Amino acid sequence: MKESDSLQKSLVRAVLATMENIAFEEPEVLPGPINITGETVSFSLQVVSPYLLLARIEIPNELAARLTRTIYRDAEKEITGVLLDDTVGELLNTIIGTMMGDLTLGERIFEMGLPQKITGEKDVPSGNARRNFFRIEKIPFCLEIYGDAFVEPV
């Protein structure tokens, strides 16, 4: 078995496009694991068809607040925990929807659930995993894909 480059490329393109189109930010793809410190906002999203996978995003509160301010275009708006959650959940939903659209060659024939907030200890699903790290203005964030969707038989 080998890793599927198509899923990896689609995921990276989806992150770049989503952050540029929604938050007007240009994320940098990081080559390896980065320690994400401080308080974070984390969400997961299940894809059930045509692949079975679980996607998770972890964004430091500082970056989530910055993205929220940019998206809402209101420097005076109070950034609440609920607003941060809405923003991060919607970013994950858009990233994975964009990735799946790319993987299905624009057919948009796929099924996925709704973003779910991760609280407390983060259970790590079993099976294959790929962690992708990005950075916006020196603040890293992580997007993980769990499942066998990115592993192809040889």
N, C-alpha and C. Protein backbone atom coordinates (compact mmCIF):
# COMPACT_ATOMS: atom_id res chain seq x y z
N MET A 1 0.85 -1.19 0.00
CA MET A 1 0.00 0.00 0.00
C MET A 1 0.88 1.24 0.00
N LYS A 2 0.41 2.29 -0.64
CA LYS A 2 1.14 3.54 -0.67
C LYS A 2 0.17 4.69 -0.41
N GLU A 3 0.72 5.82 0.01
CA GLU A 3 -0.13 6.97 0.29
C GLU A 3 -0.62 7.59 -1.00
N SER A 4 -1.84 8.05 -0.98
CA SER A 4 -2.44 8.69 -2.14
C SER A 4 -2.05 10.16 -2.18
N ASP A 5 -1.36 10.54 -3.22
CA ASP A 5 -1.00 11.95 -3.37
C ASP A 5 -2.20 12.80 -3.74
N SER A 6 -3.22 12.18 -4.38
CA SER A 6 -4.38 12.98 -4.80
C SER A 6 -5.12 13.56 -3.61
N LEU A 7 -5.29 12.80 -2.54
CA LEU A 7 -5.97 13.33 -1.36
C LEU A 7 -5.12 14.43 -0.72
N GLN A 8 -3.83 14.19 -0.62
CA GLN A 8 -2.93 15.19 -0.02
C GLN A 8 -2.96 16.49 -0.82
N LYS A 9 -2.84 16.38 -2.12
CA LYS A 9 -2.85 17.59 -2.97
C LYS A 9 -4.19 18.30 -2.89
N SER A 10 -5.28 17.54 -2.90
CA SER A 10 -6.62 18.14 -2.81
C SER A 10 -6.81 18.85 -1.48
N LEU A 11 -6.32 18.25 -0.40
CA LEU A 11 -6.44 18.86 0.93
C LEU A 11 -5.67 20.17 0.99
N VAL A 12 -4.43 20.15 0.53
CA VAL A 12 -3.62 21.38 0.56
C VAL A 12 -4.26 22.47 -0.29
N ARG A 13 -4.70 22.12 -1.50
CA ARG A 13 -5.37 23.12 -2.36
C ARG A 13 -6.61 23.67 -1.68
N ALA A 14 -7.37 22.81 -1.01
CA ALA A 14 -8.60 23.24 -0.33
C ALA A 14 -8.31 24.20 0.82
N VAL A 15 -7.27 23.91 1.60
CA VAL A 15 -6.89 24.80 2.71
C VAL A 15 -6.47 26.16 2.15
N LEU A 16 -5.60 26.15 1.15
CA LEU A 16 -5.12 27.41 0.56
C LEU A 16 -6.28 28.21 -0.02
N ALA A 17 -7.14 27.56 -0.79
CA ALA A 17 -8.26 28.27 -1.42
C ALA A 17 -9.24 28.81 -0.39
N THR A 18 -9.56 28.01 0.62
CA THR A 18 -10.52 28.44 1.64
C THR A 18 -9.99 29.64 2.41
N MET A 19 -8.76 29.55 2.87
CA MET A 19 -8.20 30.66 3.64
C MET A 19 -8.05 31.93 2.80
N GLU A 20 -7.69 31.78 1.53
CA GLU A 20 -7.56 32.95 0.67
C GLU A 20 -8.92 33.54 0.33
N ASN A 21 -9.90 32.70 0.01
CA ASN A 21 -11.21 33.19 -0.43
C ASN A 21 -12.10 33.68 0.69
N ILE A 22 -12.02 33.05 1.84
CA ILE A 22 -12.91 33.43 2.95
C ILE A 22 -12.25 34.39 3.92
N ALA A 23 -10.99 34.13 4.27
CA ALA A 23 -10.33 34.93 5.30
C ALA A 23 -9.26 35.87 4.75
N PHE A 24 -9.06 35.86 3.43
CA PHE A 24 -8.08 36.74 2.77
C PHE A 24 -6.68 36.56 3.35
N GLU A 25 -6.34 35.33 3.68
CA GLU A 25 -5.03 35.00 4.22
C GLU A 25 -4.36 33.99 3.30
N GLU A 26 -3.04 34.04 3.24
CA GLU A 26 -2.28 33.09 2.44
C GLU A 26 -1.47 32.19 3.38
N PRO A 27 -2.01 31.01 3.67
CA PRO A 27 -1.28 30.11 4.57
C PRO A 27 -0.04 29.54 3.90
N GLU A 28 0.92 29.24 4.74
CA GLU A 28 2.16 28.60 4.30
C GLU A 28 2.06 27.13 4.71
N VAL A 29 2.40 26.24 3.80
CA VAL A 29 2.42 24.81 4.11
C VAL A 29 3.72 24.51 4.83
N LEU A 30 3.63 23.88 5.99
CA LEU A 30 4.81 23.54 6.77
C LEU A 30 5.21 22.10 6.51
N PRO A 31 6.50 21.81 6.48
CA PRO A 31 6.97 20.48 6.09
C PRO A 31 6.80 19.39 7.13
N GLY A 32 6.70 19.73 8.40
CA GLY A 32 6.67 18.66 9.39
C GLY A 32 5.86 19.02 10.60
N PRO A 33 5.86 18.14 11.56
CA PRO A 33 5.09 18.37 12.79
C PRO A 33 5.53 19.64 13.51
N ILE A 34 4.57 20.39 13.96
CA ILE A 34 4.78 21.62 14.72
C ILE A 34 3.97 21.49 16.01
N ASN A 35 4.54 21.91 17.09
CA ASN A 35 3.83 21.90 18.37
C ASN A 35 2.90 23.10 18.43
N ILE A 36 1.62 22.83 18.55
CA ILE A 36 0.63 23.91 18.66
C ILE A 36 0.36 24.11 20.14
N THR A 37 0.70 25.30 20.63
CA THR A 37 0.61 25.57 22.06
C THR A 37 -0.54 26.52 22.37
N GLY A 38 -0.87 26.60 23.65
CA GLY A 38 -1.91 27.51 24.11
C GLY A 38 -3.30 26.93 23.87
N GLU A 39 -4.29 27.78 24.12
CA GLU A 39 -5.67 27.35 23.94
C GLU A 39 -6.00 27.29 22.46
N THR A 40 -6.76 26.26 22.10
CA THR A 40 -7.12 26.07 20.70
C THR A 40 -8.61 25.84 20.55
N VAL A 41 -9.07 25.99 19.31
CA VAL A 41 -10.43 25.62 18.93
C VAL A 41 -10.27 24.43 17.99
N SER A 42 -10.96 23.34 18.30
CA SER A 42 -10.83 22.12 17.50
C SER A 42 -12.21 21.59 17.11
N PHE A 43 -12.29 21.15 15.85
CA PHE A 43 -13.52 20.56 15.32
C PHE A 43 -13.19 19.34 14.51
N SER A 44 -14.15 18.43 14.42
CA SER A 44 -14.01 17.26 13.56
C SER A 44 -15.20 17.22 12.61
N LEU A 45 -15.01 16.48 11.52
CA LEU A 45 -16.07 16.33 10.53
C LEU A 45 -15.91 14.97 9.87
N GLN A 46 -16.98 14.21 9.82
CA GLN A 46 -16.97 12.86 9.26
C GLN A 46 -17.42 12.90 7.80
N VAL A 47 -16.65 12.27 6.93
CA VAL A 47 -17.05 12.05 5.54
C VAL A 47 -17.42 10.59 5.43
N VAL A 48 -18.60 10.29 4.84
CA VAL A 48 -19.06 8.91 4.78
C VAL A 48 -19.12 8.35 3.36
N SER A 49 -19.08 9.20 2.35
CA SER A 49 -19.15 8.70 0.99
C SER A 49 -18.57 9.73 0.03
N PRO A 50 -17.82 9.35 -0.97
CA PRO A 50 -17.45 8.00 -1.39
C PRO A 50 -16.28 7.43 -0.59
N TYR A 51 -15.70 8.21 0.30
CA TYR A 51 -14.63 7.75 1.17
C TYR A 51 -15.12 7.81 2.60
N LEU A 52 -14.55 6.98 3.45
CA LEU A 52 -14.84 7.04 4.87
C LEU A 52 -13.61 7.62 5.55
N LEU A 53 -13.76 8.84 6.06
CA LEU A 53 -12.63 9.47 6.74
C LEU A 53 -13.14 10.47 7.77
N LEU A 54 -12.28 10.82 8.68
CA LEU A 54 -12.57 11.82 9.70
C LEU A 54 -11.54 12.92 9.56
N ALA A 55 -12.00 14.14 9.44
CA ALA A 55 -11.11 15.30 9.36
C ALA A 55 -11.21 16.07 10.67
N ARG A 56 -10.06 16.57 11.11
CA ARG A 56 -10.03 17.41 12.32
C ARG A 56 -9.15 18.61 12.08
N ILE A 57 -9.56 19.73 12.66
CA ILE A 57 -8.77 20.96 12.57
C ILE A 57 -8.51 21.45 13.98
N GLU A 58 -7.31 21.98 14.19
CA GLU A 58 -6.94 22.57 15.48
C GLU A 58 -6.28 23.90 15.19
N ILE A 59 -6.92 24.97 15.68
CA ILE A 59 -6.45 26.34 15.44
C ILE A 59 -6.30 27.06 16.77
N PRO A 60 -5.15 27.67 17.02
CA PRO A 60 -4.99 28.46 18.25
C PRO A 60 -6.04 29.58 18.31
N ASN A 61 -6.51 29.87 19.52
CA ASN A 61 -7.53 30.91 19.71
C ASN A 61 -7.13 32.22 19.06
N GLU A 62 -5.85 32.58 19.17
CA GLU A 62 -5.37 33.85 18.61
C GLU A 62 -5.62 33.91 17.09
N LEU A 63 -5.32 32.84 16.39
CA LEU A 63 -5.53 32.81 14.95
C LEU A 63 -7.02 32.73 14.63
N ALA A 64 -7.77 31.95 15.39
CA ALA A 64 -9.21 31.85 15.17
C ALA A 64 -9.88 33.21 15.33
N ALA A 65 -9.44 33.99 16.33
CA ALA A 65 -10.01 35.33 16.54
C ALA A 65 -9.64 36.26 15.37
N ARG A 66 -8.42 36.16 14.91
CA ARG A 66 -7.99 36.99 13.77
C ARG A 66 -8.81 36.66 12.52
N LEU A 67 -8.97 35.37 12.24
CA LEU A 67 -9.76 34.96 11.08
C LEU A 67 -11.21 35.40 11.21
N THR A 68 -11.76 35.30 12.41
CA THR A 68 -13.14 35.70 12.66
C THR A 68 -13.32 37.19 12.40
N ARG A 69 -12.39 38.02 12.89
CA ARG A 69 -12.48 39.47 12.65
C ARG A 69 -12.44 39.78 11.16
N THR A 70 -11.56 39.09 10.44
CA THR A 70 -11.45 39.33 9.00
C THR A 70 -12.72 38.90 8.28
N ILE A 71 -13.23 37.75 8.62
CA ILE A 71 -14.43 37.24 7.95
C ILE A 71 -15.63 38.14 8.21
N TYR A 72 -15.81 38.58 9.45
CA TYR A 72 -16.95 39.43 9.78
C TYR A 72 -16.70 40.90 9.47
N ARG A 73 -15.45 41.26 9.16
CA ARG A 73 -15.06 42.62 8.78
C ARG A 73 -15.57 43.67 9.76
N ASP A 74 -15.42 43.37 11.03
CA ASP A 74 -15.89 44.29 12.06
C ASP A 74 -14.92 44.24 13.24
N ALA A 75 -14.03 45.22 13.29
CA ALA A 75 -13.01 45.26 14.35
C ALA A 75 -13.64 45.48 15.72
N GLU A 76 -14.85 46.04 15.74
CA GLU A 76 -15.52 46.33 17.01
C GLU A 76 -16.35 45.16 17.53
N LYS A 77 -16.61 44.17 16.68
CA LYS A 77 -17.45 43.04 17.07
C LYS A 77 -16.79 42.24 18.19
N GLU A 78 -17.57 41.92 19.21
CA GLU A 78 -17.05 41.12 20.30
C GLU A 78 -16.85 39.68 19.82
N ILE A 79 -15.65 39.18 20.00
CA ILE A 79 -15.33 37.83 19.57
C ILE A 79 -15.60 36.89 20.74
N THR A 80 -16.70 36.19 20.68
CA THR A 80 -17.10 35.27 21.74
C THR A 80 -16.65 33.85 21.38
N GLY A 81 -16.71 32.97 22.35
CA GLY A 81 -16.40 31.57 22.11
C GLY A 81 -17.33 30.96 21.07
N VAL A 82 -18.59 31.34 21.11
CA VAL A 82 -19.57 30.82 20.14
C VAL A 82 -19.20 31.28 18.73
N LEU A 83 -18.79 32.52 18.59
CA LEU A 83 -18.40 33.05 17.28
C LEU A 83 -17.13 32.36 16.77
N LEU A 84 -16.16 32.12 17.66
CA LEU A 84 -14.96 31.38 17.26
C LEU A 84 -15.32 29.97 16.80
N ASP A 85 -16.21 29.32 17.55
CA ASP A 85 -16.64 27.97 17.18
C ASP A 85 -17.32 27.98 15.81
N ASP A 86 -18.21 28.92 15.58
CA ASP A 86 -18.90 29.01 14.29
C ASP A 86 -17.90 29.18 13.15
N THR A 87 -16.91 30.04 13.36
CA THR A 87 -15.92 30.31 12.32
C THR A 87 -15.08 29.07 12.02
N VAL A 88 -14.54 28.44 13.04
CA VAL A 88 -13.67 27.28 12.83
C VAL A 88 -14.46 26.11 12.26
N GLY A 89 -15.66 25.89 12.75
CA GLY A 89 -16.51 24.82 12.19
C GLY A 89 -16.81 25.06 10.73
N GLU A 90 -17.12 26.29 10.37
CA GLU A 90 -17.42 26.61 8.97
C GLU A 90 -16.17 26.52 8.10
N LEU A 91 -15.02 26.92 8.62
CA LEU A 91 -13.77 26.76 7.85
C LEU A 91 -13.51 25.28 7.56
N LEU A 92 -13.67 24.41 8.57
CA LEU A 92 -13.45 22.99 8.36
C LEU A 92 -14.45 22.45 7.33
N ASN A 93 -15.70 22.82 7.46
CA ASN A 93 -16.74 22.38 6.54
C ASN A 93 -16.40 22.80 5.10
N THR A 94 -15.95 24.02 4.93
CA THR A 94 -15.62 24.53 3.60
C THR A 94 -14.37 23.84 3.05
N ILE A 95 -13.36 23.66 3.89
CA ILE A 95 -12.13 22.99 3.45
C ILE A 95 -12.44 21.58 2.97
N ILE A 96 -13.17 20.81 3.77
CA ILE A 96 -13.42 19.42 3.41
C ILE A 96 -14.39 19.34 2.23
N GLY A 97 -15.37 20.22 2.18
CA GLY A 97 -16.27 20.26 1.01
C GLY A 97 -15.51 20.56 -0.28
N THR A 98 -14.57 21.49 -0.21
CA THR A 98 -13.74 21.84 -1.36
C THR A 98 -12.85 20.67 -1.75
N MET A 99 -12.24 20.04 -0.74
CA MET A 99 -11.38 18.88 -1.00
C MET A 99 -12.18 17.76 -1.66
N MET A 100 -13.35 17.47 -1.14
CA MET A 100 -14.16 16.38 -1.70
C MET A 100 -14.65 16.73 -3.11
N GLY A 101 -14.97 17.98 -3.36
CA GLY A 101 -15.34 18.39 -4.71
C GLY A 101 -14.21 18.16 -5.68
N ASP A 102 -12.99 18.45 -5.24
CA ASP A 102 -11.81 18.22 -6.07
C ASP A 102 -11.60 16.73 -6.30
N LEU A 103 -11.71 15.93 -5.25
CA LEU A 103 -11.50 14.49 -5.36
C LEU A 103 -12.56 13.81 -6.24
N THR A 104 -13.77 14.36 -6.24
CA THR A 104 -14.84 13.77 -7.06
C THR A 104 -14.92 14.45 -8.42
N LEU A 105 -13.85 15.18 -8.76
CA LEU A 105 -13.72 15.83 -10.07
C LEU A 105 -14.88 16.77 -10.37
N GLY A 106 -15.28 17.51 -9.34
CA GLY A 106 -16.32 18.52 -9.50
C GLY A 106 -17.73 17.98 -9.49
N GLU A 107 -17.90 16.68 -9.35
CA GLU A 107 -19.25 16.09 -9.36
C GLU A 107 -20.03 16.43 -8.09
N ARG A 108 -19.30 16.73 -7.03
CA ARG A 108 -19.91 17.06 -5.74
C ARG A 108 -20.86 15.96 -5.25
N ILE A 109 -20.52 14.72 -5.60
CA ILE A 109 -21.32 13.59 -5.12
C ILE A 109 -20.58 12.99 -3.95
N PHE A 110 -20.89 13.49 -2.78
CA PHE A 110 -20.27 12.98 -1.56
C PHE A 110 -21.19 13.31 -0.40
N GLU A 111 -21.00 12.59 0.69
CA GLU A 111 -21.79 12.82 1.89
C GLU A 111 -20.86 13.06 3.06
N MET A 112 -21.18 14.07 3.84
CA MET A 112 -20.42 14.33 5.05
C MET A 112 -21.36 14.87 6.11
N GLY A 113 -20.93 14.71 7.35
CA GLY A 113 -21.73 15.17 8.46
C GLY A 113 -21.52 16.65 8.72
N LEU A 114 -21.91 17.08 9.89
CA LEU A 114 -21.72 18.46 10.31
C LEU A 114 -20.50 18.55 11.22
N PRO A 115 -19.84 19.70 11.22
CA PRO A 115 -18.69 19.87 12.13
C PRO A 115 -19.11 19.69 13.59
N GLN A 116 -18.28 18.98 14.34
CA GLN A 116 -18.53 18.74 15.76
C GLN A 116 -17.37 19.30 16.58
N LYS A 117 -17.68 20.10 17.59
CA LYS A 117 -16.65 20.67 18.44
C LYS A 117 -15.98 19.56 19.25
N ILE A 118 -14.67 19.62 19.34
CA ILE A 118 -13.90 18.67 20.15
C ILE A 118 -13.60 19.35 21.47
N THR A 119 -14.04 18.74 22.56
CA THR A 119 -13.78 19.30 23.88
C THR A 119 -13.06 18.25 24.72
N GLY A 120 -12.33 18.71 25.69
CA GLY A 120 -11.62 17.79 26.59
C GLY A 120 -10.50 17.07 25.88
N GLU A 121 -10.23 15.87 26.31
CA GLU A 121 -9.16 15.06 25.71
C GLU A 121 -9.53 14.72 24.28
N LYS A 122 -8.55 14.83 23.41
CA LYS A 122 -8.78 14.53 22.01
C LYS A 122 -8.44 13.06 21.75
N ASP A 123 -9.47 12.23 21.61
CA ASP A 123 -9.25 10.83 21.27
C ASP A 123 -8.71 10.76 19.86
N VAL A 124 -7.71 9.93 19.67
CA VAL A 124 -7.14 9.74 18.35
C VAL A 124 -7.76 8.49 17.74
N PRO A 125 -8.46 8.65 16.63
CA PRO A 125 -9.07 7.47 15.99
C PRO A 125 -8.01 6.47 15.56
N SER A 126 -8.41 5.20 15.48
CA SER A 126 -7.47 4.18 15.03
C SER A 126 -7.37 4.22 13.51
N GLY A 127 -6.37 3.57 12.98
CA GLY A 127 -6.20 3.52 11.53
C GLY A 127 -5.17 4.51 11.06
N ASN A 128 -5.10 4.64 9.76
CA ASN A 128 -4.13 5.53 9.15
C ASN A 128 -4.46 6.99 9.43
N ALA A 129 -3.42 7.80 9.54
CA ALA A 129 -3.61 9.22 9.82
C ALA A 129 -2.58 10.03 9.05
N ARG A 130 -2.98 11.21 8.69
CA ARG A 130 -2.06 12.15 8.08
C ARG A 130 -2.31 13.51 8.73
N ARG A 131 -1.24 14.09 9.24
CA ARG A 131 -1.34 15.42 9.87
C ARG A 131 -0.68 16.42 8.94
N ASN A 132 -1.37 17.51 8.68
CA ASN A 132 -0.89 18.57 7.80
C ASN A 132 -0.80 19.85 8.60
N PHE A 133 0.33 20.52 8.49
CA PHE A 133 0.55 21.74 9.27
C PHE A 133 0.68 22.93 8.33
N PHE A 134 0.08 24.02 8.75
CA PHE A 134 0.08 25.26 8.00
C PHE A 134 0.41 26.38 8.96
N ARG A 135 0.71 27.55 8.41
CA ARG A 135 1.00 28.71 9.25
C ARG A 135 0.46 29.95 8.56
N ILE A 136 -0.13 30.82 9.38
CA ILE A 136 -0.55 32.15 8.93
C ILE A 136 0.09 33.14 9.89
N GLU A 137 0.91 34.03 9.34
CA GLU A 137 1.58 35.05 10.17
C GLU A 137 2.22 34.45 11.42
N LYS A 138 3.02 33.45 11.24
CA LYS A 138 3.80 32.80 12.30
C LYS A 138 2.96 31.97 13.27
N ILE A 139 1.65 31.85 13.04
CA ILE A 139 0.81 31.05 13.94
C ILE A 139 0.44 29.76 13.22
N PRO A 140 0.90 28.61 13.73
CA PRO A 140 0.60 27.34 13.06
C PRO A 140 -0.79 26.81 13.41
N PHE A 141 -1.32 26.02 12.48
CA PHE A 141 -2.54 25.27 12.75
C PHE A 141 -2.41 23.92 12.06
N CYS A 142 -3.28 23.00 12.43
CA CYS A 142 -3.16 21.62 11.96
C CYS A 142 -4.48 21.13 11.41
N LEU A 143 -4.39 20.37 10.34
CA LEU A 143 -5.55 19.68 9.78
C LEU A 143 -5.17 18.21 9.64
N GLU A 144 -5.98 17.34 10.23
CA GLU A 144 -5.68 15.92 10.25
C GLU A 144 -6.76 15.16 9.48
N ILE A 145 -6.32 14.10 8.80
CA ILE A 145 -7.25 13.19 8.13
C ILE A 145 -6.99 11.80 8.68
N TYR A 146 -8.04 11.16 9.18
CA TYR A 146 -7.95 9.81 9.73
C TYR A 146 -8.77 8.88 8.85
N GLY A 147 -8.22 7.71 8.58
CA GLY A 147 -8.93 6.70 7.80
C GLY A 147 -8.05 6.17 6.70
N ASP A 148 -8.60 5.26 5.94
CA ASP A 148 -7.84 4.62 4.88
C ASP A 148 -8.04 5.28 3.53
N ALA A 149 -8.72 6.40 3.49
CA ALA A 149 -9.04 7.05 2.22
C ALA A 149 -7.80 7.50 1.46
N PHE A 150 -6.72 7.79 2.18
CA PHE A 150 -5.53 8.27 1.48
C PHE A 150 -4.49 7.17 1.26
N VAL A 151 -4.89 5.92 1.51
CA VAL A 151 -3.98 4.82 1.28
C VAL A 151 -4.53 4.00 0.11
N GLU A 152 -3.68 3.80 -0.89
CA GLU A 152 -4.08 3.04 -2.07
C GLU A 152 -3.39 1.69 -2.08
N PRO A 153 -4.09 0.64 -2.52
CA PRO A 153 -3.44 -0.67 -2.65
C PRO A 153 -2.35 -0.59 -3.72
N VAL A 154 -1.31 -1.38 -3.55
CA VAL A 154 -0.22 -1.39 -4.54
C VAL A 154 -0.57 -2.36 -5.65
